Amino acid sequence: MTHCIMETRPLFRLLLSFVLGLLLHSPLAAEVLRDVEYARVEGVPQLLDLYQPQTPCIGVVVYVHGGGWSGGSRADCPISGLVTDGFAVASVDYRLSTQAPFPSNVHDLKAAVRFLRTEAGRLGIPAGRIAIAGSSAGGHLAALAGVSSGVAALEGTVGECRGASSSVRAIVSFFGASNLQTILSQSSEYGLQVRVPALQRLLGGTPHGKPELARLASPVAHLDPKDPPLLLFHGDADPQTPIQQSVEFSSAYKAAGLPVTLHVLSGSKHGGEEFYDATRMALVRDFLKEALR
């Protein structure tokens, strides 16, 4: 028995050296600044978590969580791995539809962008290279914030950095809505069961009953030649947000002469690990590097 232990020690040392070598040469974990206050509304702080790369920062991605506009939190940030590619990721909380009426959520997101731009020097991020991304309801809000620079009703007056621009240079939407005036006509029976209550909470009524507000909340209604490049991911079996929403958004972008790419995931539903796997994250990384260079 003693003989066997003595013979395995060199192997153990070799394996230990190998593991230590991997740790020393692997990318360092991100530094995370948590609970960063980007604005205060009626005495309540609005917070974000900032994931910072250990290498020089080449861009910032504001991430907007999903949850049917009425749930979720910034703790859910499936794209935080972009820090290993040199991007900072700011995962933002915003007022939910159960807390404040639309467009309060968009006002908050734009306040977060303005804050990051204003405080870029202190935070060690590039003020001129900001993108926005989101999933599900967050994908819709990210797209809406991204294409509505200068729209007074959506800019709002939240935060102390109102002199800064809320514009972004790229948009990534994972299975988000784009046109609240058409989404219900495109939805399945199950989709209607999910979407109608969510839209009622968001708009204070149905899109049919609130047509002007539904149009204000629709990214396709705000396109102009200055809008940034758009990257879309959507599953063709999505039972909640019909893929027609991304097809419609892509078509509207193309009609406006704007750069857009739509990736359709065959058989995928509303979310899932496949949307954030190595293949999809490589597409996001390459898109952002091109858009933010």
C-alpha atoms as a PDB file:
ATOM      1  CA  MET A   1       0.000   0.000   0.000  1.00  0.00           C
ATOM      2  CA  THR A   2       2.812   2.369   0.943  1.00  0.00           C
ATOM      3  CA  HIS A   3       4.543   1.593  -2.339  1.00  0.00           C
ATOM      4  CA  CYS A   4       1.449   2.595  -4.323  1.00  0.00           C
ATOM      5  CA  ILE A   5       1.140   5.931  -2.488  1.00  0.00           C
ATOM      6  CA  MET A   6       4.765   6.790  -3.140  1.00  0.00           C
ATOM      7  CA  GLU A   7       4.358   6.062  -6.865  1.00  0.00           C
ATOM      8  CA  THR A   8       1.304   8.362  -7.216  1.00  0.00           C
ATOM      9  CA  ARG A   9       2.954  11.437  -5.686  1.00  0.00           C
ATOM     10  CA  PRO A  10       4.799  12.511  -8.850  1.00  0.00           C
ATOM     11  CA  LEU A  11       1.569  12.123 -10.804  1.00  0.00           C
ATOM     12  CA  PHE A  12      -0.260  14.178  -8.192  1.00  0.00           C
ATOM     13  CA  ARG A  13       2.350  16.939  -8.425  1.00  0.00           C
ATOM     14  CA  LEU A  14       2.076  16.902 -12.215  1.00  0.00           C
ATOM     15  CA  LEU A  15      -1.709  17.180 -12.110  1.00  0.00           C
ATOM     16  CA  LEU A  16      -1.548  19.943  -9.502  1.00  0.00           C
ATOM     17  CA  SER A  17       0.909  21.909 -11.629  1.00  0.00           C
ATOM     18  CA  PHE A  18      -1.344  21.458 -14.664  1.00  0.00           C
ATOM     19  CA  VAL A  19      -4.437  22.702 -12.823  1.00  0.00           C
ATOM     20  CA  LEU A  20      -2.596  25.696 -11.358  1.00  0.00           C
ATOM     21  CA  GLY A  21      -1.302  26.532 -14.813  1.00  0.00           C
ATOM     22  CA  LEU A  22      -4.819  26.548 -16.214  1.00  0.00           C
ATOM     23  CA  LEU A  23      -6.014  28.828 -13.434  1.00  0.00           C
ATOM     24  CA  LEU A  24      -3.139  31.226 -13.900  1.00  0.00           C
ATOM     25  CA  HIS A  25      -3.612  31.468 -17.648  1.00  0.00           C
ATOM     26  CA  SER A  26      -7.437  31.493 -17.775  1.00  0.00           C
ATOM     27  CA  PRO A  27      -9.328  34.799 -18.169  1.00  0.00           C
ATOM     28  CA  LEU A  28      -9.878  36.441 -14.820  1.00  0.00           C
ATOM     29  CA  ALA A  29     -13.402  36.685 -13.472  1.00  0.00           C
ATOM     30  CA  ALA A  30     -15.209  39.962 -13.960  1.00  0.00           C
ATOM     31  CA  GLU A  31     -15.151  42.621 -11.314  1.00  0.00           C
ATOM     32  CA  VAL A  32     -18.767  43.399 -10.440  1.00  0.00           C
ATOM     33  CA  LEU A  33     -19.877  46.733  -9.046  1.00  0.00           C
ATOM     34  CA  ARG A  34     -23.223  45.935  -7.477  1.00  0.00           C
ATOM     35  CA  ASP A  35     -26.101  48.192  -6.486  1.00  0.00           C
ATOM     36  CA  VAL A  36     -24.892  51.193  -8.478  1.00  0.00           C
ATOM     37  CA  GLU A  37     -27.513  53.928  -8.220  1.00  0.00           C
ATOM     38  CA  TYR A  38     -28.135  55.455 -11.644  1.00  0.00           C
ATOM     39  CA  ALA A  39     -31.189  57.510 -10.660  1.00  0.00           C
ATOM     40  CA  ARG A  40     -33.639  58.118  -7.861  1.00  0.00           C
ATOM     41  CA  VAL A  41     -37.402  58.346  -8.417  1.00  0.00           C
ATOM     42  CA  GLU A  42     -39.595  59.655  -5.614  1.00  0.00           C
ATOM     43  CA  GLY A  43     -36.896  58.759  -3.135  1.00  0.00           C
ATOM     44  CA  VAL A  44     -36.466  55.205  -4.429  1.00  0.00           C
ATOM     45  CA  PRO A  45     -33.028  54.351  -5.890  1.00  0.00           C
ATOM     46  CA  GLN A  46     -32.895  52.759  -9.340  1.00  0.00           C
ATOM     47  CA  LEU A  47     -29.967  50.332  -9.456  1.00  0.00           C
ATOM     48  CA  LEU A  48     -27.707  48.496 -11.855  1.00  0.00           C
ATOM     49  CA  ASP A  49     -24.894  45.953 -11.558  1.00  0.00           C
ATOM     50  CA  LEU A  50     -21.830  46.670 -13.674  1.00  0.00           C
ATOM     51  CA  TYR A  51     -19.760  43.684 -14.824  1.00  0.00           C
ATOM     52  CA  GLN A  52     -16.333  44.996 -15.783  1.00  0.00           C
ATOM     53  CA  PRO A  53     -13.708  43.158 -17.829  1.00  0.00           C
ATOM     54  CA  GLN A  54     -10.195  42.691 -16.475  1.00  0.00           C
ATOM     55  CA  THR A  55      -8.838  43.711 -19.876  1.00  0.00           C
ATOM     56  CA  PRO A  56      -9.253  47.191 -21.452  1.00  0.00           C
ATOM     57  CA  CYS A  57     -12.962  47.844 -21.966  1.00  0.00           C
ATOM     58  CA  ILE A  58     -13.956  48.058 -25.632  1.00  0.00           C
ATOM     59  CA  GLY A  59     -17.661  48.793 -25.133  1.00  0.00           C
ATOM     60  CA  VAL A  60     -20.613  48.745 -22.762  1.00  0.00           C
ATOM     61  CA  VAL A  61     -23.777  46.668 -23.136  1.00  0.00           C
ATOM     62  CA  VAL A  62     -26.822  47.737 -21.139  1.00  0.00           C
ATOM     63  CA  TYR A  63     -28.805  44.552 -20.438  1.00  0.00           C
ATOM     64  CA  VAL A  64     -32.572  44.664 -19.836  1.00  0.00           C
ATOM     65  CA  HIS A  65     -34.100  41.646 -18.091  1.00  0.00           C
ATOM     66  CA  GLY A  66     -37.402  40.071 -19.060  1.00  0.00           C
ATOM     67  CA  GLY A  67     -40.432  39.128 -16.988  1.00  0.00           C
ATOM     68  CA  GLY A  68     -43.548  40.201 -18.855  1.00  0.00           C
ATOM     69  CA  TRP A  69     -42.831  43.874 -17.976  1.00  0.00           C
ATOM     70  CA  SER A  70     -44.053  43.087 -14.445  1.00  0.00           C
ATOM     71  CA  GLY A  71     -41.350  40.779 -13.038  1.00  0.00           C
ATOM     72  CA  GLY A  72     -37.695  39.797 -13.163  1.00  0.00           C
ATOM     73  CA  SER A  73     -34.574  41.487 -11.859  1.00  0.00           C
ATOM     74  CA  ARG A  74     -31.093  42.580 -12.870  1.00  0.00           C
ATOM     75  CA  ALA A  75     -29.707  39.438 -11.177  1.00  0.00           C
ATOM     76  CA  ASP A  76     -30.773  37.557 -14.319  1.00  0.00           C
ATOM     77  CA  CYS A  77     -28.036  38.514 -16.776  1.00  0.00           C
ATOM     78  CA  PRO A  78     -27.291  35.671 -19.216  1.00  0.00           C
ATOM     79  CA  ILE A  79     -24.911  37.786 -21.327  1.00  0.00           C
ATOM     80  CA  SER A  80     -22.497  38.704 -18.516  1.00  0.00           C
ATOM     81  CA  GLY A  81     -19.941  36.366 -20.108  1.00  0.00           C
ATOM     82  CA  LEU A  82     -19.266  39.096 -22.686  1.00  0.00           C
ATOM     83  CA  VAL A  83     -16.784  40.513 -20.176  1.00  0.00           C
ATOM     84  CA  THR A  84     -14.313  37.868 -21.332  1.00  0.00           C
ATOM     85  CA  ASP A  85     -14.406  39.557 -24.753  1.00  0.00           C
ATOM     86  CA  GLY A  86     -13.635  42.978 -23.299  1.00  0.00           C
ATOM     87  CA  PHE A  87     -17.179  44.330 -22.899  1.00  0.00           C
ATOM     88  CA  ALA A  88     -18.623  45.796 -19.729  1.00  0.00           C
ATOM     89  CA  VAL A  89     -22.203  44.695 -19.071  1.00  0.00           C
ATOM     90  CA  ALA A  90     -24.588  46.892 -17.081  1.00  0.00           C
ATOM     91  CA  SER A  91     -27.581  44.833 -15.924  1.00  0.00           C
ATOM     92  CA  VAL A  92     -30.335  47.298 -15.089  1.00  0.00           C
ATOM     93  CA  ASP A  93     -33.391  47.202 -12.881  1.00  0.00           C
ATOM     94  CA  TYR A  94     -36.276  49.429 -13.956  1.00  0.00           C
ATOM     95  CA  ARG A  95     -39.747  50.205 -12.666  1.00  0.00           C
ATOM     96  CA  LEU A  96     -42.089  47.355 -13.460  1.00  0.00           C
ATOM     97  CA  SER A  97     -45.590  47.728 -14.860  1.00  0.00           C
ATOM     98  CA  THR A  98     -46.998  46.904 -11.420  1.00  0.00           C
ATOM     99  CA  GLN A  99     -45.055  49.838  -9.965  1.00  0.00           C
ATOM    100  CA  ALA A 100     -45.427  52.609 -12.540  1.00  0.00           C
ATOM    101  CA  PRO A 101     -47.245  53.070 -15.856  1.00  0.00           C
ATOM    102  CA  PHE A 102     -45.589  52.942 -19.263  1.00  0.00           C
ATOM    103  CA  PRO A 103     -43.364  54.633 -20.365  1.00  0.00           C
ATOM    104  CA  SER A 104     -41.716  54.813 -16.936  1.00  0.00           C
ATOM    105  CA  ASN A 105     -39.701  51.679 -17.727  1.00  0.00           C
ATOM    106  CA  VAL A 106     -38.213  53.258 -20.861  1.00  0.00           C
ATOM    107  CA  HIS A 107     -37.517  56.501 -18.997  1.00  0.00           C
ATOM    108  CA  ASP A 108     -35.488  54.471 -16.493  1.00  0.00           C
ATOM    109  CA  LEU A 109     -33.475  52.694 -19.177  1.00  0.00           C
ATOM    110  CA  LYS A 110     -32.633  55.946 -20.893  1.00  0.00           C
ATOM    111  CA  ALA A 111     -31.614  57.405 -17.534  1.00  0.00           C
ATOM    112  CA  ALA A 112     -29.274  54.438 -17.076  1.00  0.00           C
ATOM    113  CA  VAL A 113     -27.659  55.069 -20.470  1.00  0.00           C
ATOM    114  CA  ARG A 114     -27.224  58.764 -19.690  1.00  0.00           C
ATOM    115  CA  PHE A 115     -25.710  57.904 -16.303  1.00  0.00           C
ATOM    116  CA  LEU A 116     -23.201  55.473 -17.811  1.00  0.00           C
ATOM    117  CA  ARG A 117     -22.228  58.016 -20.452  1.00  0.00           C
ATOM    118  CA  THR A 118     -21.793  60.788 -17.888  1.00  0.00           C
ATOM    119  CA  GLU A 119     -19.892  58.646 -15.380  1.00  0.00           C
ATOM    120  CA  ALA A 120     -17.835  56.743 -17.954  1.00  0.00           C
ATOM    121  CA  GLY A 121     -14.517  58.196 -16.826  1.00  0.00           C
ATOM    122  CA  ARG A 122     -15.081  57.261 -13.205  1.00  0.00           C
ATOM    123  CA  LEU A 123     -16.327  53.796 -14.122  1.00  0.00           C
ATOM    124  CA  GLY A 124     -13.560  53.076 -16.621  1.00  0.00           C
ATOM    125  CA  ILE A 125     -15.863  52.532 -19.599  1.00  0.00           C
ATOM    126  CA  PRO A 126     -15.975  54.185 -23.050  1.00  0.00           C
ATOM    127  CA  ALA A 127     -18.704  56.826 -23.173  1.00  0.00           C
ATOM    128  CA  GLY A 128     -18.998  56.671 -26.944  1.00  0.00           C
ATOM    129  CA  ARG A 129     -19.456  52.916 -27.316  1.00  0.00           C
ATOM    130  CA  ILE A 130     -22.723  51.911 -25.653  1.00  0.00           C
ATOM    131  CA  ALA A 131     -25.107  49.206 -26.876  1.00  0.00           C
ATOM    132  CA  ILE A 132     -28.359  47.891 -25.430  1.00  0.00           C
ATOM    133  CA  ALA A 133     -29.673  44.331 -25.283  1.00  0.00           C
ATOM    134  CA  GLY A 134     -32.539  42.481 -23.665  1.00  0.00           C
ATOM    135  CA  SER A 135     -34.598  39.309 -23.548  1.00  0.00           C
ATOM    136  CA  SER A 136     -38.360  38.851 -23.914  1.00  0.00           C
ATOM    137  CA  ALA A 137     -40.036  41.960 -22.439  1.00  0.00           C
ATOM    138  CA  GLY A 138     -36.518  43.271 -21.945  1.00  0.00           C
ATOM    139  CA  GLY A 139     -35.802  42.722 -25.633  1.00  0.00           C
ATOM    140  CA  HIS A 140     -38.840  44.834 -26.488  1.00  0.00           C
ATOM    141  CA  LEU A 141     -37.785  47.590 -24.081  1.00  0.00           C
ATOM    142  CA  ALA A 142     -34.175  47.514 -25.274  1.00  0.00           C
ATOM    143  CA  ALA A 143     -35.308  47.892 -28.876  1.00  0.00           C
ATOM    144  CA  LEU A 144     -37.723  50.675 -27.975  1.00  0.00           C
ATOM    145  CA  ALA A 145     -35.087  52.592 -26.038  1.00  0.00           C
ATOM    146  CA  GLY A 146     -32.580  52.006 -28.829  1.00  0.00           C
ATOM    147  CA  VAL A 147     -34.658  53.372 -31.715  1.00  0.00           C
ATOM    148  CA  SER A 148     -36.289  56.311 -29.931  1.00  0.00           C
ATOM    149  CA  SER A 149     -33.424  58.720 -29.350  1.00  0.00           C
ATOM    150  CA  GLY A 150     -34.878  62.206 -29.144  1.00  0.00           C
ATOM    151  CA  VAL A 151     -38.526  61.099 -28.807  1.00  0.00           C
ATOM    152  CA  ALA A 152     -39.602  63.409 -25.976  1.00  0.00           C
ATOM    153  CA  ALA A 153     -42.392  61.173 -24.676  1.00  0.00           C
ATOM    154  CA  LEU A 154     -39.902  58.311 -24.253  1.00  0.00           C
ATOM    155  CA  GLU A 155     -36.843  60.277 -23.106  1.00  0.00           C
ATOM    156  CA  GLY A 156     -38.386  61.380 -19.826  1.00  0.00           C
ATOM    157  CA  THR A 157     -36.641  63.392 -17.129  1.00  0.00           C
ATOM    158  CA  VAL A 158     -35.438  60.637 -14.794  1.00  0.00           C
ATOM    159  CA  GLY A 159     -32.012  61.027 -13.193  1.00  0.00           C
ATOM    160  CA  GLU A 160     -29.477  63.792 -12.755  1.00  0.00           C
ATOM    161  CA  CYS A 161     -27.706  63.349 -16.102  1.00  0.00           C
ATOM    162  CA  ARG A 162     -30.390  64.803 -18.350  1.00  0.00           C
ATOM    163  CA  GLY A 163     -27.892  66.762 -20.423  1.00  0.00           C
ATOM    164  CA  ALA A 164     -26.317  63.574 -21.779  1.00  0.00           C
ATOM    165  CA  SER A 165     -27.540  61.630 -24.793  1.00  0.00           C
ATOM    166  CA  SER A 166     -29.483  58.381 -24.358  1.00  0.00           C
ATOM    167  CA  SER A 167     -28.541  57.143 -27.821  1.00  0.00           C
ATOM    168  CA  VAL A 168     -26.880  53.756 -28.332  1.00  0.00           C
ATOM    169  CA  ARG A 169     -24.822  52.351 -31.183  1.00  0.00           C
ATOM    170  CA  ALA A 170     -26.269  48.835 -31.361  1.00  0.00           C
ATOM    171  CA  ILE A 171     -29.354  46.856 -30.312  1.00  0.00           C
ATOM    172  CA  VAL A 172     -29.666  43.138 -29.541  1.00  0.00           C
ATOM    173  CA  SER A 173     -33.132  41.692 -28.944  1.00  0.00           C
ATOM    174  CA  PHE A 174     -33.709  38.110 -27.847  1.00  0.00           C
ATOM    175  CA  PHE A 175     -37.306  37.049 -28.669  1.00  0.00           C
ATOM    176  CA  GLY A 176     -38.761  40.473 -27.946  1.00  0.00           C
ATOM    177  CA  ALA A 177     -41.894  42.174 -29.281  1.00  0.00           C
ATOM    178  CA  SER A 178     -41.655  44.936 -31.860  1.00  0.00           C
ATOM    179  CA  ASN A 179     -45.232  45.984 -32.667  1.00  0.00           C
ATOM    180  CA  LEU A 180     -47.835  45.981 -29.919  1.00  0.00           C
ATOM    181  CA  GLN A 181     -50.509  46.870 -32.461  1.00  0.00           C
ATOM    182  CA  THR A 182     -50.099  43.572 -34.325  1.00  0.00           C
ATOM    183  CA  ILE A 183     -48.856  41.110 -31.715  1.00  0.00           C
ATOM    184  CA  LEU A 184     -52.263  39.892 -30.571  1.00  0.00           C
ATOM    185  CA  SER A 185     -53.431  39.172 -34.125  1.00  0.00           C
ATOM    186  CA  GLN A 186     -50.284  37.057 -34.587  1.00  0.00           C
ATOM    187  CA  SER A 187     -50.665  35.162 -31.307  1.00  0.00           C
ATOM    188  CA  SER A 188     -51.927  31.624 -30.673  1.00  0.00           C
ATOM    189  CA  GLU A 189     -54.674  30.940 -28.145  1.00  0.00           C
ATOM    190  CA  TYR A 190     -52.015  30.188 -25.537  1.00  0.00           C
ATOM    191  CA  GLY A 191     -50.111  33.311 -26.513  1.00  0.00           C
ATOM    192  CA  LEU A 192     -53.217  35.428 -25.989  1.00  0.00           C
ATOM    193  CA  GLN A 193     -53.614  34.022 -22.492  1.00  0.00           C
ATOM    194  CA  VAL A 194     -50.101  35.226 -21.682  1.00  0.00           C
ATOM    195  CA  ARG A 195     -49.920  38.446 -23.688  1.00  0.00           C
ATOM    196  CA  VAL A 196     -53.299  40.055 -23.030  1.00  0.00           C
ATOM    197  CA  PRO A 197     -52.874  40.330 -19.217  1.00  0.00           C
ATOM    198  CA  ALA A 198     -49.250  41.443 -19.618  1.00  0.00           C
ATOM    199  CA  LEU A 199     -50.201  44.146 -22.112  1.00  0.00           C
ATOM    200  CA  GLN A 200     -53.065  45.308 -19.916  1.00  0.00           C
ATOM    201  CA  ARG A 201     -50.627  45.784 -17.056  1.00  0.00           C
ATOM    202  CA  LEU A 202     -48.164  47.557 -19.316  1.00  0.00           C
ATOM    203  CA  LEU A 203     -50.572  49.896 -21.128  1.00  0.00           C
ATOM    204  CA  GLY A 204     -53.427  50.129 -18.669  1.00  0.00           C
ATOM    205  CA  GLY A 205     -55.651  48.456 -21.250  1.00  0.00           C
ATOM    206  CA  THR A 206     -55.472  46.431 -24.448  1.00  0.00           C
ATOM    207  CA  PRO A 207     -53.643  47.730 -27.529  1.00  0.00           C
ATOM    208  CA  HIS A 208     -57.053  48.070 -29.206  1.00  0.00           C
ATOM    209  CA  GLY A 209     -58.337  50.189 -26.345  1.00  0.00           C
ATOM    210  CA  LYS A 210     -55.103  52.223 -26.073  1.00  0.00           C
ATOM    211  CA  PRO A 211     -54.010  52.600 -29.726  1.00  0.00           C
ATOM    212  CA  GLU A 212     -51.874  55.729 -29.284  1.00  0.00           C
ATOM    213  CA  LEU A 213     -50.040  54.270 -26.298  1.00  0.00           C
ATOM    214  CA  ALA A 214     -49.598  50.932 -28.104  1.00  0.00           C
ATOM    215  CA  ARG A 215     -48.033  52.772 -31.036  1.00  0.00           C
ATOM    216  CA  LEU A 216     -45.745  54.759 -28.716  1.00  0.00           C
ATOM    217  CA  ALA A 217     -44.650  51.436 -27.189  1.00  0.00           C
ATOM    218  CA  SER A 218     -43.886  49.843 -30.582  1.00  0.00           C
ATOM    219  CA  PRO A 219     -40.268  50.015 -31.803  1.00  0.00           C
ATOM    220  CA  VAL A 220     -41.372  49.701 -35.459  1.00  0.00           C
ATOM    221  CA  ALA A 221     -43.182  53.045 -35.116  1.00  0.00           C
ATOM    222  CA  HIS A 222     -40.010  55.001 -34.369  1.00  0.00           C
ATOM    223  CA  LEU A 223     -37.579  54.033 -37.111  1.00  0.00           C
ATOM    224  CA  ASP A 224     -35.504  56.703 -38.811  1.00  0.00           C
ATOM    225  CA  PRO A 225     -32.239  56.741 -40.795  1.00  0.00           C
ATOM    226  CA  LYS A 226     -30.140  57.385 -37.667  1.00  0.00           C
ATOM    227  CA  ASP A 227     -31.144  54.186 -35.869  1.00  0.00           C
ATOM    228  CA  PRO A 228     -28.330  51.783 -34.903  1.00  0.00           C
ATOM    229  CA  PRO A 229     -27.636  48.269 -36.243  1.00  0.00           C
ATOM    230  CA  LEU A 230     -30.021  45.610 -34.958  1.00  0.00           C
ATOM    231  CA  LEU A 231     -29.415  41.940 -34.120  1.00  0.00           C
ATOM    232  CA  LEU A 232     -32.433  39.683 -33.515  1.00  0.00           C
ATOM    233  CA  PHE A 233     -32.753  36.139 -32.145  1.00  0.00           C
ATOM    234  CA  HIS A 234     -36.091  34.322 -32.145  1.00  0.00           C
ATOM    235  CA  GLY A 235     -37.318  30.744 -31.958  1.00  0.00           C
ATOM    236  CA  ASP A 236     -39.729  29.641 -34.671  1.00  0.00           C
ATOM    237  CA  ALA A 237     -41.789  27.700 -32.111  1.00  0.00           C
ATOM    238  CA  ASP A 238     -42.180  30.585 -29.646  1.00  0.00           C
ATOM    239  CA  PRO A 239     -45.652  30.216 -28.069  1.00  0.00           C
ATOM    240  CA  GLN A 240     -45.570  33.565 -26.225  1.00  0.00           C
ATOM    241  CA  THR A 241     -44.028  36.175 -28.511  1.00  0.00           C
ATOM    242  CA  PRO A 242     -44.734  35.089 -32.102  1.00  0.00           C
ATOM    243  CA  ILE A 243     -41.721  35.018 -34.393  1.00  0.00           C
ATOM    244  CA  GLN A 244     -43.673  37.302 -36.729  1.00  0.00           C
ATOM    245  CA  GLN A 245     -42.695  40.114 -34.354  1.00  0.00           C
ATOM    246  CA  SER A 246     -39.017  39.736 -35.217  1.00  0.00           C
ATOM    247  CA  VAL A 247     -39.782  39.126 -38.895  1.00  0.00           C
ATOM    248  CA  GLU A 248     -41.846  42.316 -38.957  1.00  0.00           C
ATOM    249  CA  PHE A 249     -39.107  44.262 -37.177  1.00  0.00           C
ATOM    250  CA  SER A 250     -36.456  42.952 -39.555  1.00  0.00           C
ATOM    251  CA  SER A 251     -38.580  43.837 -42.585  1.00  0.00           C
ATOM    252  CA  ALA A 252     -39.231  47.355 -41.281  1.00  0.00           C
ATOM    253  CA  TYR A 253     -35.509  47.873 -40.660  1.00  0.00           C
ATOM    254  CA  LYS A 254     -34.667  46.723 -44.161  1.00  0.00           C
ATOM    255  CA  ALA A 255     -37.355  48.946 -45.675  1.00  0.00           C
ATOM    256  CA  ALA A 256     -35.793  51.905 -43.853  1.00  0.00           C
ATOM    257  CA  GLY A 257     -32.352  51.010 -45.229  1.00  0.00           C
ATOM    258  CA  LEU A 258     -31.022  50.114 -41.804  1.00  0.00           C
ATOM    259  CA  PRO A 259     -28.629  47.229 -40.975  1.00  0.00           C
ATOM    260  CA  VAL A 260     -30.362  44.221 -39.410  1.00  0.00           C
ATOM    261  CA  THR A 261     -29.705  40.506 -38.942  1.00  0.00           C
ATOM    262  CA  LEU A 262     -32.321  37.995 -37.791  1.00  0.00           C
ATOM    263  CA  HIS A 263     -31.231  34.587 -36.503  1.00  0.00           C
ATOM    264  CA  VAL A 264     -34.079  32.070 -36.346  1.00  0.00           C
ATOM    265  CA  LEU A 265     -33.588  29.144 -33.954  1.00  0.00           C
ATOM    266  CA  SER A 266     -35.393  26.138 -35.381  1.00  0.00           C
ATOM    267  CA  GLY A 267     -37.701  24.459 -32.863  1.00  0.00           C
ATOM    268  CA  SER A 268     -36.824  26.875 -30.053  1.00  0.00           C
ATOM    269  CA  LYS A 269     -39.520  28.356 -27.876  1.00  0.00           C
ATOM    270  CA  HIS A 270     -39.577  31.433 -25.649  1.00  0.00           C
ATOM    271  CA  GLY A 271     -36.071  31.438 -24.231  1.00  0.00           C
ATOM    272  CA  GLY A 272     -33.751  28.626 -23.280  1.00  0.00           C
ATOM    273  CA  GLU A 273     -30.036  28.036 -22.885  1.00  0.00           C
ATOM    274  CA  GLU A 274     -29.537  27.759 -26.644  1.00  0.00           C
ATOM    275  CA  PHE A 275     -30.095  31.498 -27.027  1.00  0.00           C
ATOM    276  CA  TYR A 276     -27.013  32.210 -24.911  1.00  0.00           C
ATOM    277  CA  ASP A 277     -24.727  29.317 -25.876  1.00  0.00           C
ATOM    278  CA  ALA A 278     -21.235  29.723 -27.301  1.00  0.00           C
ATOM    279  CA  THR A 279     -22.511  29.872 -30.876  1.00  0.00           C
ATOM    280  CA  ARG A 280     -25.024  32.659 -30.231  1.00  0.00           C
ATOM    281  CA  MET A 281     -22.682  34.601 -27.939  1.00  0.00           C
ATOM    282  CA  ALA A 282     -20.024  34.533 -30.649  1.00  0.00           C
ATOM    283  CA  LEU A 283     -22.560  36.108 -33.018  1.00  0.00           C
ATOM    284  CA  VAL A 284     -23.367  38.770 -30.429  1.00  0.00           C
ATOM    285  CA  ARG A 285     -19.686  39.433 -29.768  1.00  0.00           C
ATOM    286  CA  ASP A 286     -18.837  39.837 -33.455  1.00  0.00           C
ATOM    287  CA  PHE A 287     -21.856  42.056 -34.039  1.00  0.00           C
ATOM    288  CA  LEU A 288     -20.948  44.316 -31.113  1.00  0.00           C
ATOM    289  CA  LYS A 289     -17.290  44.545 -32.077  1.00  0.00           C
ATOM    290  CA  GLU A 290     -18.285  45.684 -35.554  1.00  0.00           C
ATOM    291  CA  ALA A 291     -20.980  48.113 -34.373  1.00  0.00           C
ATOM    292  CA  LEU A 292     -18.916  49.670 -31.563  1.00  0.00           C
ATOM    293  CA  ARG A 293     -15.524  49.890 -33.221  1.00  0.00           C
END
